[in-house]
Protein backbone atom coordinates (compact mmCIF):
# COMPACT_ATOMS: atom_id res chain seq x y z
CA UNK A 1 -45.10 212.40 86.68
CA UNK A 2 -41.41 211.82 86.34
CA UNK A 3 -41.58 208.64 88.42
CA UNK A 4 -43.21 206.63 85.65
CA UNK A 5 -40.57 207.20 82.95
CA UNK A 6 -37.82 206.84 85.51
CA UNK A 7 -39.25 203.53 86.70
CA UNK A 8 -39.56 202.30 83.14
CA UNK A 9 -36.01 203.32 82.32
CA UNK A 10 -34.70 201.54 85.40
CA UNK A 11 -36.71 198.44 84.51
CA UNK A 12 -35.45 198.42 80.96
CA UNK A 13 -31.93 198.99 82.20
CA UNK A 14 -32.20 196.05 84.53
CA UNK A 15 -33.68 193.90 81.81
CA UNK A 16 -30.77 194.77 79.53
CA UNK A 17 -28.25 193.87 82.21
CA UNK A 18 -29.88 190.64 83.36
CA UNK A 19 -32.67 189.29 81.18
CA UNK A 20 -31.36 190.45 77.81
CA UNK A 21 -27.63 190.55 78.39
CA UNK A 22 -26.91 189.19 74.95
CA UNK A 23 -28.16 192.38 73.31
CA UNK A 24 -26.38 194.60 75.85
CA UNK A 25 -22.91 193.09 75.44
CA UNK A 26 -21.24 193.15 72.01
CA UNK A 27 -20.68 189.76 70.42
CA UNK A 28 -17.22 188.26 70.57
CA UNK A 29 -15.14 188.95 67.46
CA UNK A 30 -15.34 186.10 65.00
CA UNK A 31 -12.62 184.75 62.76
CA UNK A 32 -12.80 185.10 59.00
CA UNK A 33 -13.45 181.44 58.22
CA UNK A 34 -13.55 181.84 54.41
CA UNK A 35 -10.06 183.37 54.52
CA UNK A 36 -8.83 180.57 56.79
CA UNK A 37 -10.31 177.98 54.42
CA UNK A 38 -8.59 179.51 51.40
CA UNK A 39 -5.29 179.68 53.25
CA UNK A 40 -5.55 176.06 54.45
CA UNK A 41 -6.26 174.88 50.90
CA UNK A 42 -3.21 176.72 49.53
CA UNK A 43 -0.97 175.30 52.28
CA UNK A 44 -2.17 171.72 51.80
CA UNK A 45 -1.94 171.84 48.01
CA UNK A 46 1.47 173.50 48.18
CA UNK A 47 2.77 170.79 50.50
CA UNK A 48 1.76 168.09 48.01
CA UNK A 49 3.30 170.00 45.11
CA UNK A 50 6.59 170.54 46.97
CA UNK A 51 6.83 166.80 47.57
CA UNK A 52 5.98 166.07 43.94
CA UNK A 53 8.63 168.51 42.68
CA UNK A 54 11.49 167.49 44.99
CA UNK A 55 11.08 163.80 45.80
CA UNK A 56 13.16 162.63 42.84
CA UNK A 57 16.16 164.72 43.95
CA UNK A 58 16.09 164.92 47.76
CA UNK A 59 13.44 162.41 48.78
CA UNK A 60 11.18 163.64 51.57
CA UNK A 61 13.67 166.19 52.96
CA UNK A 62 12.00 169.32 51.59
CA UNK A 63 8.56 167.88 52.31
CA UNK A 64 9.36 167.41 56.00
CA UNK A 65 11.06 170.80 56.22
CA UNK A 66 8.03 172.43 54.65
CA UNK A 67 5.79 170.81 57.28
CA UNK A 68 8.01 172.36 59.95
CA UNK A 69 7.78 175.80 58.33
CA UNK A 70 4.00 175.50 58.08
CA UNK A 71 3.76 174.60 61.78
CA UNK A 72 5.98 177.54 62.75
CA UNK A 73 4.08 179.81 60.38
CA UNK A 74 0.78 178.75 61.94
CA UNK A 75 2.12 179.72 65.35
CA UNK A 76 3.16 183.11 63.99
CA UNK A 77 -0.27 183.53 62.37
CA UNK A 78 -2.08 182.77 65.63
CA UNK A 79 0.13 185.18 67.57
CA UNK A 80 -0.38 187.99 65.04
CA UNK A 81 -4.14 187.36 64.95
CA UNK A 82 -4.39 187.61 68.76
CA UNK A 83 -2.42 190.87 68.96
CA UNK A 84 -4.66 193.95 68.48
CA UNK A 85 -3.57 195.35 65.15
CA UNK A 86 -3.58 198.95 66.45
CA UNK A 87 -0.52 198.09 68.55
CA UNK A 88 1.54 198.01 65.37
CA UNK A 89 0.72 201.65 64.68
CA UNK A 90 2.75 202.67 67.74
CA UNK A 91 5.54 200.24 66.79
CA UNK A 92 5.76 201.27 63.14
CA UNK A 93 9.00 203.24 63.49
CA UNK A 94 10.93 200.51 65.41
CA UNK A 95 9.70 197.86 62.95
CA UNK A 96 10.87 199.91 59.97
CA UNK A 97 14.21 200.67 61.63
CA UNK A 98 14.88 196.97 62.28
CA UNK A 99 14.00 196.15 58.66
CA UNK A 100 16.41 198.80 57.32
CA UNK A 101 19.21 197.57 59.59
CA UNK A 102 18.64 193.98 58.46
CA UNK A 103 18.72 195.00 54.78
CA UNK A 104 21.97 196.90 55.38
CA UNK A 105 23.45 193.94 57.28
CA UNK A 106 22.80 191.67 54.28
CA UNK A 107 25.01 193.85 52.09
CA UNK A 108 27.86 193.63 54.62
CA UNK A 109 27.56 190.19 56.21
CA UNK A 110 25.27 188.38 53.76
CA UNK A 111 25.91 185.03 52.09
CA UNK A 112 26.74 184.84 48.39
CA UNK A 113 24.26 182.43 46.86
CA UNK A 114 23.32 182.12 43.18
CA UNK A 115 25.21 185.29 42.27
CA UNK A 116 23.45 187.51 44.84
CA UNK A 117 23.76 188.47 48.49
CA UNK A 118 20.28 188.22 49.98
CA UNK A 119 20.44 185.98 53.07
CA UNK A 120 21.97 185.78 56.53
CA UNK A 121 23.04 182.84 58.70
CA UNK A 122 24.01 180.51 55.84
CA UNK A 123 20.88 181.14 53.82
CA UNK A 124 18.41 180.63 56.68
CA UNK A 125 17.00 184.18 56.85
CA UNK A 126 16.08 186.48 53.97
CA UNK A 127 15.46 189.97 55.42
CA UNK A 128 13.86 191.33 52.24
CA UNK A 129 10.84 189.05 52.82
CA UNK A 130 10.22 190.59 56.24
CA UNK A 131 10.89 194.08 54.83
CA UNK A 132 7.63 193.74 52.87
CA UNK A 133 5.69 193.40 56.12
CA UNK A 134 7.59 196.32 57.64
CA UNK A 135 6.69 198.50 54.65
CA UNK A 136 3.02 197.54 55.03
CA UNK A 137 2.96 198.53 58.71
CA UNK A 138 5.03 201.71 58.45
CA UNK A 139 3.53 203.20 55.30
CA UNK A 140 -0.02 202.45 56.51
CA UNK A 141 0.69 204.13 59.87
CA UNK A 142 2.34 207.12 58.19
CA UNK A 143 -0.43 207.62 55.62
CA UNK A 144 -3.15 207.27 58.29
CA UNK A 145 -1.48 209.96 60.41
CA UNK A 146 -1.03 212.52 57.61
CA UNK A 147 -4.67 213.16 56.78
CA UNK A 148 -5.17 215.95 54.25
CA UNK A 149 -1.47 216.83 54.34
CA UNK A 150 -0.87 213.76 52.19
CA UNK A 151 -1.72 215.74 49.05
CA UNK A 152 1.04 218.28 49.76
CA UNK A 153 4.41 217.87 48.08
CA UNK A 154 6.45 218.71 51.18
CA UNK A 155 4.35 216.73 53.62
CA UNK A 156 3.37 213.79 51.42
CA UNK A 157 5.23 213.06 48.21
CA UNK A 158 8.77 214.03 49.30
CA UNK A 159 8.99 211.97 52.53
CA UNK A 160 7.24 209.04 50.84
CA UNK A 161 9.72 209.11 47.95
CA UNK A 162 12.69 209.27 50.33
CA UNK A 163 11.46 206.29 52.36
CA UNK A 164 10.59 204.09 49.41
CA UNK A 165 13.77 205.10 47.60
CA UNK A 166 15.89 204.05 50.58
CA UNK A 167 14.18 200.67 50.99
CA UNK A 168 14.23 199.96 47.25
CA UNK A 169 17.90 200.92 46.91
CA UNK A 170 18.95 198.50 49.67
CA UNK A 171 17.00 195.68 48.00
CA UNK A 172 18.29 196.47 44.50
CA UNK A 173 21.88 196.35 45.76
CA UNK A 174 21.48 192.68 46.79
CA UNK A 175 20.37 192.49 43.87
CA UNK A 176 16.69 191.51 43.95
CA UNK A 177 14.69 193.51 41.44
CA UNK A 178 11.51 191.47 41.81
CA UNK A 179 11.35 192.09 45.57
CA UNK A 180 12.03 195.79 44.93
CA UNK A 181 9.10 195.93 42.49
CA UNK A 182 6.76 194.19 44.96
CA UNK A 183 7.85 196.52 47.77
CA UNK A 184 7.27 199.57 45.58
CA UNK A 185 3.85 198.24 44.59
CA UNK A 186 2.87 197.84 48.26
CA UNK A 187 3.92 201.37 49.17
CA UNK A 188 2.43 203.04 46.10
CA UNK A 189 -0.96 201.34 46.47
CA UNK A 190 -1.23 202.30 50.16
CA UNK A 191 -0.15 205.86 49.32
CA UNK A 192 -2.69 206.09 46.50
CA UNK A 193 -5.63 204.60 48.41
CA UNK A 194 -4.79 206.77 51.41
CA UNK A 195 -5.45 209.91 49.39
CA UNK A 196 -2.29 210.91 47.52
CA UNK A 197 -2.64 213.40 44.70
CA UNK A 198 -2.79 211.33 41.54
CA UNK A 199 -0.82 213.81 39.43
CA UNK A 200 2.06 213.85 41.89
CA UNK A 201 1.88 210.08 42.11
CA UNK A 202 2.13 209.70 38.33
CA UNK A 203 5.18 211.96 38.22
CA UNK A 204 6.82 209.98 41.04
CA UNK A 205 5.99 206.70 39.28
CA UNK A 206 7.63 207.87 36.07
CA UNK A 207 10.76 208.99 37.91
CA UNK A 208 10.91 205.72 39.88
CA UNK A 209 10.50 203.66 36.70
CA UNK A 210 13.34 205.53 35.00
CA UNK A 211 15.67 205.15 37.99
CA UNK A 212 14.83 201.45 38.34
CA UNK A 213 15.43 200.89 34.63
CA UNK A 214 18.83 202.62 34.83
CA UNK A 215 19.85 200.49 37.82
CA UNK A 216 18.62 197.38 36.05
CA UNK A 217 20.60 198.10 32.89
CA UNK A 218 23.77 198.69 34.92
CA UNK A 219 23.43 195.29 36.59
CA UNK A 220 24.81 192.31 34.66
CA UNK A 221 22.45 190.12 36.69
CA UNK A 222 19.36 191.95 35.50
CA UNK A 223 20.54 192.50 31.92
CA UNK A 224 21.29 188.80 31.42
CA UNK A 225 17.83 187.80 32.56
CA UNK A 226 16.12 190.38 30.35
CA UNK A 227 18.18 189.36 27.32
CA UNK A 228 17.43 185.69 27.95
CA UNK A 229 13.72 186.38 28.25
CA UNK A 230 13.67 188.50 25.09
CA UNK A 231 15.53 185.80 23.17
CA UNK A 232 12.96 183.28 24.36
CA UNK A 233 10.11 185.40 23.00
CA UNK A 234 11.74 185.80 19.59
CA UNK A 235 13.10 182.26 19.36
CA UNK A 236 12.01 179.62 21.93
CA UNK A 237 15.06 177.52 21.09
CA UNK A 238 17.24 180.27 22.62
CA UNK A 239 15.59 179.97 26.02
CA UNK A 240 17.73 179.39 29.09
CA UNK A 241 18.11 175.89 30.45
CA UNK A 242 15.79 176.52 33.40
CA UNK A 243 13.06 178.07 31.27
CA UNK A 244 13.23 175.44 28.54
CA UNK A 245 13.00 172.56 31.03
CA UNK A 246 10.13 174.19 32.92
CA UNK A 247 8.24 174.77 29.67
CA UNK A 248 8.86 171.17 28.63
CA UNK A 249 7.26 169.60 31.71
CA UNK A 250 4.44 172.13 31.56
CA UNK A 251 3.78 171.31 27.92
CA UNK A 252 3.76 167.55 28.51
CA UNK A 253 1.41 167.72 31.51
CA UNK A 254 1.61 163.99 32.28
CA UNK A 255 -0.29 164.42 35.53
CA UNK A 256 0.42 162.75 38.86
CA UNK A 257 1.51 159.17 38.37
CA UNK A 258 3.88 156.52 39.63
CA UNK A 259 5.78 155.83 36.40
CA UNK A 260 9.50 156.75 36.55
CA UNK A 261 9.22 159.15 33.61
CA UNK A 262 6.86 161.40 35.56
CA UNK A 263 9.52 161.88 38.21
CA UNK A 264 12.74 161.77 36.22
CA UNK A 265 11.86 164.66 33.91
CA UNK A 266 11.41 166.89 36.96
CA UNK A 267 14.99 166.28 38.00
CA UNK A 268 16.12 168.42 35.06
CA UNK A 269 14.37 171.58 36.35
CA UNK A 270 16.43 173.46 38.94
CA UNK A 271 14.46 174.89 41.88
CA UNK A 272 11.21 173.39 40.64
CA UNK A 273 9.93 173.26 44.24
CA UNK A 274 10.31 177.03 44.73
CA UNK A 275 10.95 179.29 41.71
CA UNK A 276 8.94 177.18 39.22
CA UNK A 277 6.34 175.52 41.43
CA UNK A 278 3.48 176.82 39.27
CA UNK A 279 4.98 174.91 36.32
CA UNK A 280 4.93 171.77 38.45
CA UNK A 281 1.27 172.44 39.29
CA UNK A 282 0.54 172.64 35.56
CA UNK A 283 2.38 169.36 34.99
CA UNK A 284 0.61 167.46 37.77
CA UNK A 285 -2.86 169.03 37.76
CA UNK A 286 -2.89 170.29 34.17
CA UNK A 287 -5.02 173.22 33.08
CA UNK A 288 -7.87 172.76 35.62
CA UNK A 289 -5.34 172.74 38.44
CA UNK A 290 -3.67 175.98 37.34
CA UNK A 291 -7.04 177.69 36.94
CA UNK A 292 -8.02 176.46 40.39
CA UNK A 293 -4.88 177.93 41.96
CA UNK A 294 -5.48 181.26 40.22
CA UNK A 295 -9.06 181.19 41.53
CA UNK A 296 -7.81 180.59 45.08
CA UNK A 297 -5.58 183.65 44.94
CA UNK A 298 -8.41 185.69 43.42
CA UNK A 299 -10.67 184.60 46.29
CA UNK A 300 -7.97 185.53 48.80
CA UNK A 301 -7.71 188.96 47.21
CA UNK A 302 -11.48 189.36 47.35
CA UNK A 303 -11.50 188.54 51.06
CA UNK A 304 -8.63 190.95 51.67
CA UNK A 305 -10.47 193.81 50.01
CA UNK A 306 -13.61 192.93 51.96
CA UNK A 307 -11.68 193.12 55.23
CA UNK A 308 -10.27 196.49 54.18
CA UNK A 309 -13.76 197.83 53.49
CA UNK A 310 -15.00 196.70 56.92
CA UNK A 311 -11.93 197.75 58.89
CA UNK A 312 -12.62 199.74 62.06
CA UNK A 313 -10.19 202.55 61.20
CA UNK A 314 -8.01 203.90 58.40
CA UNK A 315 -4.83 202.25 59.65
CA UNK A 316 -6.40 198.79 59.52
CA UNK A 317 -7.95 199.43 56.12
CA UNK A 318 -4.63 200.59 54.63
CA UNK A 319 -2.75 197.61 56.09
CA UNK A 320 -5.32 195.21 54.64
CA UNK A 321 -4.90 196.86 51.24
CA UNK A 322 -1.11 196.59 51.50
CA UNK A 323 -1.17 192.90 52.48
CA UNK A 324 -3.57 192.07 49.65
CA UNK A 325 -1.37 193.92 47.15
CA UNK A 326 1.69 192.06 48.43
CA UNK A 327 0.24 188.55 48.10
CA UNK A 328 -1.43 189.10 44.72
CA UNK A 329 1.53 190.86 43.10
CA UNK A 330 3.98 188.21 44.30
CA UNK A 331 1.73 185.40 43.07
CA UNK A 332 1.33 187.11 39.68
CA UNK A 333 5.10 187.56 39.31
CA UNK A 334 5.76 183.90 40.16
CA UNK A 335 3.13 182.66 37.70
CA UNK A 336 4.39 184.96 34.97
CA UNK A 337 7.98 183.78 35.42
CA UNK A 338 6.92 180.10 35.50
CA UNK A 339 5.08 180.59 32.19
CA UNK A 340 7.96 182.61 30.65
CA UNK A 341 5.69 185.64 30.33
CA UNK A 342 8.23 187.77 32.23
CA UNK A 343 11.95 187.31 32.97
CA UNK A 344 12.92 184.78 35.63
CA UNK A 345 12.57 186.38 39.04
CA UNK A 346 13.07 183.73 41.70
CA UNK A 347 9.97 184.81 43.64
CA UNK A 348 8.24 181.98 45.55
CA UNK A 349 4.52 181.31 45.21
CA UNK A 350 2.97 182.57 48.50
CA UNK A 351 1.99 179.78 50.93
CA UNK A 352 2.91 177.08 48.40
CA UNK A 353 6.59 177.25 47.37
CA UNK A 354 9.31 175.76 49.54
CA UNK A 355 11.08 178.24 51.82
CA UNK A 356 11.17 179.42 55.41
CA UNK A 357 11.45 183.22 55.28
CA UNK A 358 8.74 183.61 52.64
CA UNK A 359 6.41 181.25 54.51
CA UNK A 360 6.85 182.96 57.89
CA UNK A 361 6.48 186.49 56.51
CA UNK A 362 3.35 185.63 54.51
CA UNK A 363 1.79 183.80 57.45
CA UNK A 364 2.53 186.80 59.69
CA UNK A 365 0.76 188.99 57.13
CA UNK A 366 -2.27 186.69 57.15
CA UNK A 367 -2.35 186.79 60.95
CA UNK A 368 -2.35 190.57 60.80
CA UNK A 369 -5.18 190.45 58.26
CA UNK A 370 -7.19 188.17 60.58
CA UNK A 371 -6.59 190.59 63.46
CA UNK A 372 -8.03 193.41 61.35
CA UNK A 373 -11.01 191.22 60.44
CA UNK A 374 -11.69 190.34 64.11
CA UNK A 375 -11.90 194.04 65.01
CA UNK A 376 -13.98 195.00 61.98
CA UNK A 377 -17.56 196.19 62.04
CA UNK A 378 -20.48 194.15 60.75
CA UNK A 379 -21.28 196.69 58.06
CA UNK A 380 -19.03 198.81 55.90
CA UNK A 381 -17.45 201.70 57.76
CA UNK A 382 -18.58 205.21 56.98
CA UNK A 383 -15.32 205.98 55.18
CA UNK A 384 -14.95 202.57 53.53
CA UNK A 385 -15.16 203.30 49.84
CA UNK A 386 -12.71 203.19 47.01
CA UNK A 387 -12.75 205.73 44.21
CA UNK A 388 -10.31 207.44 41.93
CA UNK A 389 -11.30 210.77 43.39
CA UNK A 390 -12.85 213.77 41.73
CA UNK A 391 -11.24 216.42 39.63
CA UNK A 392 -9.29 217.53 42.67
CA UNK A 393 -7.90 214.04 43.18
CA UNK A 394 -9.57 213.54 46.54
CA UNK A 395 -8.72 210.71 48.93
CA UNK A 396 -9.84 207.20 48.09
CA UNK A 397 -10.38 206.58 51.82
CA UNK A 398 -11.89 209.83 53.16
CA UNK A 399 -10.03 211.21 56.16
CA UNK A 400 -11.94 210.73 59.39
CA UNK A 401 -9.18 211.71 61.76
CA UNK A 402 -6.25 209.87 63.22
CA UNK A 403 -7.45 206.40 64.05
CA UNK A 404 -11.09 207.49 64.26
CA UNK A 405 -13.51 204.60 64.61
CA UNK A 406 -17.04 204.48 63.21
CA UNK A 407 -18.58 204.84 66.66
CA UNK A 408 -16.60 208.08 67.16
CA UNK A 409 -17.70 209.60 63.87
CA UNK A 410 -20.11 212.53 63.77
CA UNK A 411 -23.78 211.58 63.31
CA UNK A 412 -25.32 212.12 59.95
CA UNK A 413 -28.41 214.25 59.30
CA UNK A 414 -30.70 211.28 59.99
CA UNK A 415 -28.76 210.27 63.12
CA UNK A 416 -28.48 213.74 64.69
CA UNK A 417 -31.13 213.52 67.43
CA UNK A 418 -31.68 216.68 69.46
CA UNK A 419 -29.55 217.13 72.54
CA UNK A 420 -29.61 219.68 75.35
CA UNK A 421 -28.69 223.07 73.98
CA UNK A 422 -28.76 221.84 70.38
CA UNK A 423 -31.24 222.94 67.73
CA UNK A 424 -30.66 219.87 65.54
CA UNK A 425 -33.51 217.37 65.43
CA UNK A 426 -34.05 214.15 63.60
CA UNK A 427 -36.13 214.75 60.42
CA UNK A 428 -38.31 211.71 61.13
CA UNK A 429 -39.08 212.91 64.66
CA UNK A 430 -39.86 216.42 63.36
CA UNK A 431 -42.34 215.01 60.84
CA UNK A 432 -44.03 212.87 63.50
CA UNK A 433 -44.40 215.83 65.86
CA UNK A 434 -45.90 217.98 63.10
CA UNK A 435 -48.45 215.25 62.33
CA UNK A 436 -49.37 214.99 66.01
CA UNK A 437 -49.86 218.76 66.24
CA UNK A 438 -52.20 218.66 63.23
CA UNK A 439 -54.26 215.92 64.87
CA UNK A 440 -54.46 217.89 68.16
CA UNK A 441 -55.95 221.06 66.59
CA UNK A 442 -59.56 219.78 66.17
CA UNK A 443 -59.53 218.46 69.71
CA UNK A 444 -58.37 221.81 71.05
CA UNK A 445 -61.09 223.65 69.14
CA UNK A 446 -63.73 221.30 70.54
CA UNK A 447 -62.45 221.86 74.08
CA UNK A 448 -62.50 225.62 73.55
CA UNK A 449 -66.12 225.58 72.29
CA UNK A 450 -67.28 223.45 75.26
CA UNK A 451 -65.56 225.82 77.66
CA UNK A 452 -67.32 228.82 76.06
CA UNK A 453 -70.73 227.16 76.44
CA UNK A 454 -70.06 226.45 80.10
CA UNK A 455 -69.11 230.05 80.69
CA UNK A 456 -72.27 231.27 78.89
CA UNK A 457 -74.49 229.03 81.05
CA UNK A 458 -72.87 230.28 84.22
CA UNK A 459 -73.27 233.84 83.02
C-alpha cells in the first residue's frame, strides 16, 4: 500500500525537476525598473540644468565633467547592486572606522575653501559625503543586531548617542552644519524605526538640538548665515548677494532660450550649478518644472519605502530606510535654501547638482538600494510594518532575530501543519477531517447492521 504514494511522490518529484523546472527553481532576482527610471530622469535633467547654469561662465567644462562623474557613478552603482547587501553587515565596523579616520584627516590635512575645511586632495574628495553612507551601513547593522536590547538605556541609547555625537562633532568642526543635520537625521530615523524607546529618543533629540544650537552660535560661520537669512525674512532688501541674485532669476523665470539676457543674468549667481541649482530649474522650467522635480523625489522616496517593506531581513529594511531619509532630507534642504526658506547651506541637489563626491556617494547608495530590492521577497515580509508602537513604545520593525529571513520565521497558526511528535495541526485540515468523520458514521452503521443480519442467518 505504501508503493502507490511513494511512486506518485517520485513521479511528482521527477516532474518538478524536469518537466516543471520553472516552478521548482526560484526566479532570478529582478531589478527595480521604476527606481532606475526615476534615477535616469534625475540624472538626465540634472545634466541639462548644469550646462544651462554654467555655460555662460565656464562653457562646457562642468557639463563634460558631470558626464564623467555620471559614468563613474554608474559603475559604482552597478558594482554595489551586484554585491549582496548582507556582506556590508560584516564590514560595518571597518567602513565606519575608515569614515571616522577620513573625517579626522580633513581637520588636519584638509583644504581651506570658502571659509571651511571640508575636502582633501585639492578639493577633489569630500569625506563627509561618504560618511553618510557609512552611517547608514553601521547604524543599520548595529540596530539589527541589538534586538530588544535597543530599548535599554545602557545597551541602546548611550552607545547610539556616543557614536552619533562623535560623527556629528567631526563634521561640525569643518564646519558643515547641514551635513551634520542630515547625518543625525539618518541615524535617528534608523534608530527609531528599529525599535528605540520613543521617550528616550525625544530626550536625546532635545539634548542634541541644544548642543547643536550652542555649537552653531559659537561659530561665526553659522551665525552669519542665520543672521543673513533672518534679515532676508524681515527685509528682502537686506538679503545676501547670493540669495538676492538667486531670487531674482527665479522670480523672472524667462525659461530656456537663446537670447543673451537669459544667460548673462545667470553669471551673477555664484555656484548656481551646485548650491542653487533648484533656482536655475525654476528659471528655466518655471513652476511646472519645479513641481515635476519635487514629484520625482517623492516617487523616489515612495520606491525606497516600498523596498524597505519588502526587504528580506531587518538589516536590509533599515538600510533602505536610512538611504531614503538621506536623499529626501538632502533634497529638501537644497530646495529650501534655493528658495530662501532656510539659511544657505551649500548642500547639492542629489543626482542633479554638479560635484563628484556627492554624485559618487549618492549613486553608491542607490546601488545598495537596488541590491536590497533584488534580494527582496515578492510580498511584504512578516515583520515589514511601520507603526509608532503601543503604549510601551514597541519596535516599528518587530524583532525577528539577527538577520532572520521570512523563510526562517516560525509558521503562523494557519501554516503550522502537524509534524512527527507535534500536536499542532492546521485548522483547515482539522475541519476537513471532522467533516469526513461525520460522513463516515452512517456508512459504518449500515455496515454494522448488515454484519448483524449475516450473523443471525448463520445462527
